[in-house]
Amino acid sequence: QSRTQHAGFLIDCDLVQACPNYLKMRAVKAVAGKLALAVRCDHINVESGRQRTADVGRKFKEELRTKFGKWEEPDKAQVVKALPKSLLAGRNLNESFWLGRDNLTQSRCFCNILTLVHSLTIVLSLCIPSFTLGLT
């Protein structure tokens, strides 16, 4: 009640009355803005010698109705995207929490380098029997 006592006569508008109580003040502000725009359009039409029409007001009223309908819709659920399979393979799921983003990236790069060096060592040791790096 105390919130709406400062709203003036716009609170009695049918658009505002159709809104739930928690949206009424927000709706009053939106109606006031569109009302000011409609008055400006009407004034410009009269100044330029055109006749007054209710087309602009009707268009604004429909815009407000759709806007108020969107306000009442529930928020869309946030989409949770799955990680790529390569990042989940053999990883602790809480690793990103403990390491942080930068350290996690460095850790993954280092693991990839170690895997590459190990594979290269195996290939070279097969080609050259005396080759060893001591990483086996």
N, C-alpha and C. Protein backbone atom coordinates (compact mmCIF):
# COMPACT_ATOMS: atom_id res chain seq x y z
N GLN A 1 0.83 -1.19 0.00
CA GLN A 1 0.00 0.00 0.00
C GLN A 1 0.87 1.25 0.00
N SER A 2 1.91 1.30 0.85
CA SER A 2 2.74 2.50 0.93
C SER A 2 3.53 2.72 -0.35
N ARG A 3 3.85 1.65 -1.05
CA ARG A 3 4.58 1.78 -2.30
C ARG A 3 3.73 2.46 -3.37
N THR A 4 2.48 2.09 -3.41
CA THR A 4 1.62 2.59 -4.48
C THR A 4 1.02 3.96 -4.17
N GLN A 5 1.19 4.48 -2.97
CA GLN A 5 0.56 5.76 -2.67
C GLN A 5 1.25 6.91 -3.40
N HIS A 6 2.50 6.71 -3.87
CA HIS A 6 3.21 7.77 -4.58
C HIS A 6 3.13 7.58 -6.09
N ALA A 7 2.31 6.67 -6.55
CA ALA A 7 2.27 6.34 -7.97
C ALA A 7 1.35 7.25 -8.78
N GLY A 8 0.47 7.96 -8.14
CA GLY A 8 -0.43 8.85 -8.87
C GLY A 8 -1.57 8.08 -9.51
N PHE A 9 -2.18 8.68 -10.53
CA PHE A 9 -3.34 8.03 -11.14
C PHE A 9 -2.95 6.98 -12.17
N LEU A 10 -1.67 6.86 -12.52
CA LEU A 10 -1.27 5.81 -13.46
C LEU A 10 -1.39 4.41 -12.85
N ILE A 11 -1.43 4.33 -11.53
CA ILE A 11 -1.57 3.03 -10.88
C ILE A 11 -2.94 2.43 -11.17
N ASP A 12 -3.92 3.27 -11.54
CA ASP A 12 -5.27 2.79 -11.85
C ASP A 12 -5.43 2.37 -13.29
N CYS A 13 -4.37 2.47 -14.10
CA CYS A 13 -4.42 2.06 -15.51
C CYS A 13 -4.67 0.55 -15.60
N ASP A 14 -5.46 0.12 -16.59
CA ASP A 14 -5.78 -1.31 -16.71
C ASP A 14 -4.54 -2.16 -16.97
N LEU A 15 -3.55 -1.61 -17.65
CA LEU A 15 -2.31 -2.37 -17.87
C LEU A 15 -1.59 -2.65 -16.56
N VAL A 16 -1.53 -1.66 -15.70
CA VAL A 16 -0.84 -1.80 -14.42
C VAL A 16 -1.65 -2.70 -13.48
N GLN A 17 -2.95 -2.57 -13.51
CA GLN A 17 -3.78 -3.37 -12.62
C GLN A 17 -3.74 -4.86 -12.98
N ALA A 18 -3.44 -5.16 -14.23
CA ALA A 18 -3.36 -6.56 -14.64
C ALA A 18 -2.06 -7.22 -14.18
N CYS A 19 -1.08 -6.43 -13.76
CA CYS A 19 0.21 -6.97 -13.31
C CYS A 19 0.11 -7.44 -11.87
N PRO A 20 0.96 -8.40 -11.49
CA PRO A 20 1.02 -8.80 -10.08
C PRO A 20 1.59 -7.66 -9.23
N ASN A 21 1.34 -7.72 -7.93
CA ASN A 21 1.74 -6.64 -7.03
C ASN A 21 3.23 -6.34 -7.08
N TYR A 22 4.07 -7.36 -7.20
CA TYR A 22 5.51 -7.12 -7.15
C TYR A 22 6.03 -6.45 -8.42
N LEU A 23 5.21 -6.36 -9.46
CA LEU A 23 5.63 -5.70 -10.70
C LEU A 23 4.91 -4.37 -10.95
N LYS A 24 4.02 -3.98 -10.06
CA LYS A 24 3.20 -2.80 -10.34
C LYS A 24 4.00 -1.52 -10.46
N MET A 25 4.96 -1.27 -9.59
CA MET A 25 5.73 -0.03 -9.67
C MET A 25 6.60 0.00 -10.92
N ARG A 26 7.13 -1.14 -11.28
CA ARG A 26 7.92 -1.23 -12.51
C ARG A 26 7.02 -0.96 -13.72
N ALA A 27 5.81 -1.48 -13.67
CA ALA A 27 4.85 -1.27 -14.76
C ALA A 27 4.43 0.20 -14.84
N VAL A 28 4.26 0.86 -13.69
CA VAL A 28 3.89 2.28 -13.69
C VAL A 28 4.98 3.10 -14.37
N LYS A 29 6.24 2.79 -14.09
CA LYS A 29 7.35 3.52 -14.71
C LYS A 29 7.37 3.30 -16.22
N ALA A 30 7.11 2.07 -16.65
CA ALA A 30 7.09 1.78 -18.08
C ALA A 30 5.93 2.50 -18.77
N VAL A 31 4.76 2.51 -18.14
CA VAL A 31 3.60 3.20 -18.70
C VAL A 31 3.87 4.70 -18.77
N ALA A 32 4.51 5.26 -17.74
CA ALA A 32 4.81 6.70 -17.74
C ALA A 32 5.76 7.05 -18.89
N GLY A 33 6.74 6.19 -19.14
CA GLY A 33 7.67 6.44 -20.24
C GLY A 33 6.98 6.40 -21.59
N LYS A 34 6.16 5.39 -21.81
CA LYS A 34 5.44 5.29 -23.09
C LYS A 34 4.41 6.41 -23.24
N LEU A 35 3.83 6.83 -22.13
CA LEU A 35 2.88 7.95 -22.17
C LEU A 35 3.57 9.23 -22.60
N ALA A 36 4.77 9.47 -22.07
CA ALA A 36 5.52 10.66 -22.47
C ALA A 36 5.86 10.62 -23.95
N LEU A 37 6.25 9.44 -24.45
CA LEU A 37 6.54 9.31 -25.89
C LEU A 37 5.29 9.55 -26.74
N ALA A 38 4.16 9.03 -26.29
CA ALA A 38 2.92 9.22 -27.05
C ALA A 38 2.52 10.70 -27.10
N VAL A 39 2.72 11.42 -25.99
CA VAL A 39 2.40 12.84 -25.96
C VAL A 39 3.31 13.60 -26.92
N ARG A 40 4.58 13.25 -26.95
CA ARG A 40 5.50 13.91 -27.88
C ARG A 40 5.10 13.66 -29.33
N CYS A 41 4.76 12.40 -29.65
CA CYS A 41 4.32 12.08 -31.02
C CYS A 41 3.07 12.86 -31.38
N ASP A 42 2.14 12.95 -30.45
CA ASP A 42 0.90 13.68 -30.69
C ASP A 42 1.18 15.16 -30.92
N HIS A 43 2.07 15.72 -30.13
CA HIS A 43 2.42 17.14 -30.27
C HIS A 43 3.08 17.40 -31.63
N ILE A 44 3.96 16.52 -32.04
CA ILE A 44 4.63 16.69 -33.33
C ILE A 44 3.62 16.60 -34.48
N ASN A 45 2.67 15.68 -34.37
CA ASN A 45 1.64 15.56 -35.41
C ASN A 45 0.81 16.83 -35.51
N VAL A 46 0.43 17.41 -34.39
CA VAL A 46 -0.38 18.63 -34.39
C VAL A 46 0.44 19.80 -34.94
N GLU A 47 1.70 19.88 -34.54
CA GLU A 47 2.57 20.98 -35.00
C GLU A 47 2.78 20.93 -36.51
N SER A 48 2.87 19.74 -37.07
CA SER A 48 3.13 19.62 -38.50
C SER A 48 1.85 19.68 -39.33
N GLY A 49 0.71 19.82 -38.71
CA GLY A 49 -0.54 19.98 -39.44
C GLY A 49 -1.27 18.67 -39.71
N ARG A 50 -0.74 17.54 -39.22
CA ARG A 50 -1.43 16.25 -39.40
C ARG A 50 -2.50 16.09 -38.34
N GLN A 51 -3.42 15.20 -38.60
CA GLN A 51 -4.48 14.96 -37.64
C GLN A 51 -3.99 14.01 -36.54
N ARG A 52 -4.61 14.14 -35.40
CA ARG A 52 -4.28 13.25 -34.28
C ARG A 52 -4.85 11.87 -34.55
N THR A 53 -4.04 10.86 -34.31
CA THR A 53 -4.52 9.48 -34.43
C THR A 53 -4.11 8.72 -33.19
N ALA A 54 -4.80 7.64 -32.97
CA ALA A 54 -4.51 6.81 -31.80
C ALA A 54 -3.59 5.64 -32.14
N ASP A 55 -3.05 5.64 -33.36
CA ASP A 55 -2.22 4.51 -33.79
C ASP A 55 -0.98 4.34 -32.92
N VAL A 56 -0.32 5.44 -32.62
CA VAL A 56 0.91 5.37 -31.81
C VAL A 56 0.58 4.84 -30.41
N GLY A 57 -0.49 5.34 -29.83
CA GLY A 57 -0.89 4.89 -28.50
C GLY A 57 -1.24 3.42 -28.47
N ARG A 58 -1.95 2.96 -29.51
CA ARG A 58 -2.29 1.53 -29.58
C ARG A 58 -1.04 0.67 -29.72
N LYS A 59 -0.09 1.15 -30.53
CA LYS A 59 1.15 0.40 -30.71
C LYS A 59 1.92 0.31 -29.39
N PHE A 60 2.02 1.44 -28.67
CA PHE A 60 2.71 1.45 -27.38
C PHE A 60 2.01 0.54 -26.37
N LYS A 61 0.68 0.52 -26.41
CA LYS A 61 -0.07 -0.32 -25.47
C LYS A 61 0.22 -1.80 -25.72
N GLU A 62 0.28 -2.20 -26.99
CA GLU A 62 0.60 -3.59 -27.31
C GLU A 62 2.04 -3.93 -26.90
N GLU A 63 2.96 -2.98 -27.11
CA GLU A 63 4.35 -3.20 -26.69
C GLU A 63 4.42 -3.42 -25.18
N LEU A 64 3.67 -2.61 -24.44
CA LEU A 64 3.67 -2.76 -22.98
C LEU A 64 3.06 -4.09 -22.56
N ARG A 65 1.98 -4.50 -23.22
CA ARG A 65 1.36 -5.80 -22.88
C ARG A 65 2.34 -6.95 -23.09
N THR A 66 3.06 -6.93 -24.22
CA THR A 66 4.02 -8.01 -24.45
C THR A 66 5.18 -7.93 -23.46
N LYS A 67 5.61 -6.73 -23.13
CA LYS A 67 6.69 -6.57 -22.16
C LYS A 67 6.28 -7.09 -20.79
N PHE A 68 5.08 -6.74 -20.35
CA PHE A 68 4.61 -7.21 -19.05
C PHE A 68 4.43 -8.72 -19.04
N GLY A 69 4.01 -9.28 -20.17
CA GLY A 69 3.90 -10.75 -20.26
C GLY A 69 5.25 -11.42 -20.12
N LYS A 70 6.28 -10.82 -20.71
CA LYS A 70 7.63 -11.39 -20.59
C LYS A 70 8.16 -11.28 -19.17
N TRP A 71 7.79 -10.21 -18.47
CA TRP A 71 8.23 -10.06 -17.08
C TRP A 71 7.68 -11.18 -16.21
N GLU A 72 6.48 -11.65 -16.51
CA GLU A 72 5.84 -12.66 -15.67
C GLU A 72 6.31 -14.07 -15.99
N GLU A 73 6.96 -14.26 -17.14
CA GLU A 73 7.46 -15.60 -17.49
C GLU A 73 8.62 -15.97 -16.57
N PRO A 74 8.73 -17.26 -16.26
CA PRO A 74 9.87 -17.67 -15.44
C PRO A 74 11.17 -17.55 -16.24
N ASP A 75 12.27 -17.36 -15.53
CA ASP A 75 13.57 -17.26 -16.19
C ASP A 75 13.93 -18.59 -16.83
N LYS A 76 14.67 -18.50 -17.93
CA LYS A 76 15.10 -19.72 -18.60
C LYS A 76 16.19 -20.39 -17.77
N ALA A 77 16.16 -21.70 -17.75
CA ALA A 77 17.17 -22.45 -17.01
C ALA A 77 18.52 -22.30 -17.71
N GLN A 78 19.56 -22.22 -16.91
CA GLN A 78 20.89 -22.07 -17.47
C GLN A 78 21.33 -23.41 -18.06
N VAL A 79 21.87 -23.35 -19.27
CA VAL A 79 22.28 -24.56 -19.95
C VAL A 79 23.67 -24.96 -19.46
N VAL A 80 23.79 -26.20 -19.00
CA VAL A 80 25.08 -26.71 -18.54
C VAL A 80 25.68 -27.51 -19.67
N LYS A 81 26.81 -27.04 -20.17
CA LYS A 81 27.45 -27.72 -21.28
C LYS A 81 28.43 -28.76 -20.75
N ALA A 82 28.47 -29.90 -21.40
CA ALA A 82 29.39 -30.96 -21.01
C ALA A 82 30.79 -30.63 -21.51
N LEU A 83 31.79 -31.07 -20.75
CA LEU A 83 33.17 -30.88 -21.19
C LEU A 83 33.48 -31.87 -22.30
N PRO A 84 34.43 -31.54 -23.16
CA PRO A 84 34.84 -32.51 -24.17
C PRO A 84 35.42 -33.76 -23.53
N LYS A 85 35.30 -34.87 -24.21
CA LYS A 85 35.71 -36.15 -23.67
C LYS A 85 37.22 -36.17 -23.35
N SER A 86 38.03 -35.48 -24.15
CA SER A 86 39.47 -35.50 -23.95
C SER A 86 39.87 -34.85 -22.64
N LEU A 87 39.09 -33.87 -22.17
CA LEU A 87 39.43 -33.21 -20.92
C LEU A 87 38.98 -34.01 -19.71
N LEU A 88 37.97 -34.85 -19.89
CA LEU A 88 37.47 -35.64 -18.76
C LEU A 88 38.24 -36.95 -18.58
N ALA A 89 38.91 -37.40 -19.59
CA ALA A 89 39.58 -38.71 -19.52
C ALA A 89 40.70 -38.69 -18.51
N GLY A 90 40.58 -39.49 -17.47
CA GLY A 90 41.65 -39.63 -16.49
C GLY A 90 41.88 -38.40 -15.64
N ARG A 91 40.91 -37.53 -15.50
CA ARG A 91 41.09 -36.29 -14.74
C ARG A 91 40.20 -36.31 -13.50
N ASN A 92 40.70 -35.68 -12.47
CA ASN A 92 39.89 -35.46 -11.29
C ASN A 92 38.93 -34.32 -11.60
N LEU A 93 37.63 -34.49 -11.33
CA LEU A 93 36.66 -33.47 -11.69
C LEU A 93 36.84 -32.19 -10.88
N ASN A 94 37.44 -32.28 -9.70
CA ASN A 94 37.65 -31.09 -8.88
C ASN A 94 39.00 -30.44 -9.16
N GLU A 95 39.72 -30.90 -10.15
CA GLU A 95 41.05 -30.37 -10.44
C GLU A 95 40.99 -28.90 -10.81
N SER A 96 39.99 -28.50 -11.57
CA SER A 96 39.90 -27.10 -11.97
C SER A 96 39.64 -26.20 -10.76
N PHE A 97 38.95 -26.74 -9.74
CA PHE A 97 38.68 -25.96 -8.54
C PHE A 97 39.96 -25.71 -7.75
N TRP A 98 40.78 -26.74 -7.63
CA TRP A 98 41.98 -26.62 -6.80
C TRP A 98 43.11 -25.89 -7.53
N LEU A 99 43.26 -26.09 -8.82
CA LEU A 99 44.39 -25.52 -9.53
C LEU A 99 44.13 -24.11 -10.05
N GLY A 100 42.91 -23.77 -10.32
CA GLY A 100 42.62 -22.49 -10.95
C GLY A 100 42.78 -22.61 -12.45
N ARG A 101 42.26 -21.64 -13.19
CA ARG A 101 42.22 -21.73 -14.64
C ARG A 101 43.61 -21.74 -15.26
N ASP A 102 44.50 -20.81 -14.87
CA ASP A 102 45.82 -20.72 -15.49
C ASP A 102 46.67 -21.95 -15.17
N ASN A 103 46.66 -22.36 -13.91
CA ASN A 103 47.46 -23.52 -13.52
C ASN A 103 46.93 -24.80 -14.16
N LEU A 104 45.62 -24.89 -14.33
CA LEU A 104 45.03 -26.07 -14.95
C LEU A 104 45.47 -26.17 -16.41
N THR A 105 45.49 -25.04 -17.11
CA THR A 105 45.94 -25.03 -18.50
C THR A 105 47.40 -25.43 -18.60
N GLN A 106 48.23 -24.89 -17.69
CA GLN A 106 49.64 -25.25 -17.68
C GLN A 106 49.82 -26.73 -17.36
N SER A 107 49.02 -27.23 -16.44
CA SER A 107 49.11 -28.63 -16.06
C SER A 107 48.76 -29.53 -17.25
N ARG A 108 47.72 -29.19 -17.98
CA ARG A 108 47.33 -29.99 -19.14
C ARG A 108 48.40 -29.95 -20.22
N CYS A 109 48.98 -28.77 -20.46
CA CYS A 109 50.05 -28.66 -21.47
C CYS A 109 51.25 -29.50 -21.05
N PHE A 110 51.61 -29.44 -19.78
CA PHE A 110 52.76 -30.20 -19.30
C PHE A 110 52.53 -31.70 -19.43
N CYS A 111 51.29 -32.14 -19.12
CA CYS A 111 50.96 -33.57 -19.26
C CYS A 111 51.04 -33.99 -20.72
N ASN A 112 50.56 -33.13 -21.61
CA ASN A 112 50.63 -33.45 -23.04
C ASN A 112 52.08 -33.52 -23.51
N ILE A 113 52.93 -32.62 -23.03
CA ILE A 113 54.35 -32.64 -23.40
C ILE A 113 55.01 -33.91 -22.89
N LEU A 114 54.71 -34.28 -21.63
CA LEU A 114 55.31 -35.50 -21.07
C LEU A 114 54.88 -36.74 -21.87
N THR A 115 53.64 -36.79 -22.25
CA THR A 115 53.14 -37.91 -23.05
C THR A 115 53.85 -37.96 -24.40
N LEU A 116 54.03 -36.81 -25.01
CA LEU A 116 54.71 -36.73 -26.29
C LEU A 116 56.18 -37.17 -26.18
N VAL A 117 56.86 -36.69 -25.13
CA VAL A 117 58.27 -37.07 -24.93
C VAL A 117 58.38 -38.56 -24.66
N HIS A 118 57.48 -39.10 -23.88
CA HIS A 118 57.52 -40.53 -23.58
C HIS A 118 57.30 -41.35 -24.85
N SER A 119 56.33 -40.93 -25.67
CA SER A 119 56.07 -41.64 -26.94
C SER A 119 57.27 -41.54 -27.87
N LEU A 120 57.88 -40.37 -27.92
CA LEU A 120 59.05 -40.17 -28.77
C LEU A 120 60.22 -41.02 -28.29
N THR A 121 60.38 -41.13 -26.99
CA THR A 121 61.45 -41.97 -26.43
C THR A 121 61.26 -43.43 -26.80
N ILE A 122 60.02 -43.89 -26.75
CA ILE A 122 59.74 -45.30 -27.11
C ILE A 122 60.04 -45.54 -28.58
N VAL A 123 59.62 -44.61 -29.44
CA VAL A 123 59.86 -44.78 -30.87
C VAL A 123 61.36 -44.76 -31.17
N LEU A 124 62.07 -43.80 -30.57
CA LEU A 124 63.52 -43.71 -30.82
C LEU A 124 64.27 -44.91 -30.26
N SER A 125 63.82 -45.43 -29.12
CA SER A 125 64.50 -46.60 -28.56
C SER A 125 64.28 -47.84 -29.42
N LEU A 126 63.14 -47.88 -30.14
CA LEU A 126 62.91 -49.00 -31.05
C LEU A 126 63.79 -48.88 -32.29
N CYS A 127 63.98 -47.61 -32.74
CA CYS A 127 64.79 -47.38 -33.95
C CYS A 127 66.29 -47.49 -33.62
N ILE A 128 66.68 -46.89 -32.49
CA ILE A 128 68.11 -46.89 -32.12
C ILE A 128 68.22 -47.62 -30.78
N PRO A 129 68.72 -48.83 -30.77
CA PRO A 129 68.75 -49.63 -29.53
C PRO A 129 69.53 -48.99 -28.40
N SER A 130 70.55 -48.18 -28.68
CA SER A 130 71.34 -47.60 -27.61
C SER A 130 70.77 -46.28 -27.09
N PHE A 131 69.61 -45.80 -27.67
CA PHE A 131 69.05 -44.52 -27.25
C PHE A 131 68.25 -44.67 -25.97
N THR A 132 68.54 -43.76 -25.00
CA THR A 132 67.78 -43.73 -23.76
C THR A 132 67.81 -42.33 -23.16
N LEU A 133 66.70 -41.90 -22.61
CA LEU A 133 66.63 -40.62 -21.90
C LEU A 133 66.40 -40.83 -20.42
N GLY A 134 66.11 -42.01 -20.02
CA GLY A 134 65.85 -42.30 -18.61
C GLY A 134 64.47 -41.88 -18.16
N LEU A 135 63.51 -41.77 -19.07
CA LEU A 135 62.16 -41.35 -18.71
C LEU A 135 61.16 -42.51 -18.68
N THR A 136 61.63 -43.71 -18.74
CA THR A 136 60.72 -44.85 -18.81
C THR A 136 60.06 -45.15 -17.53
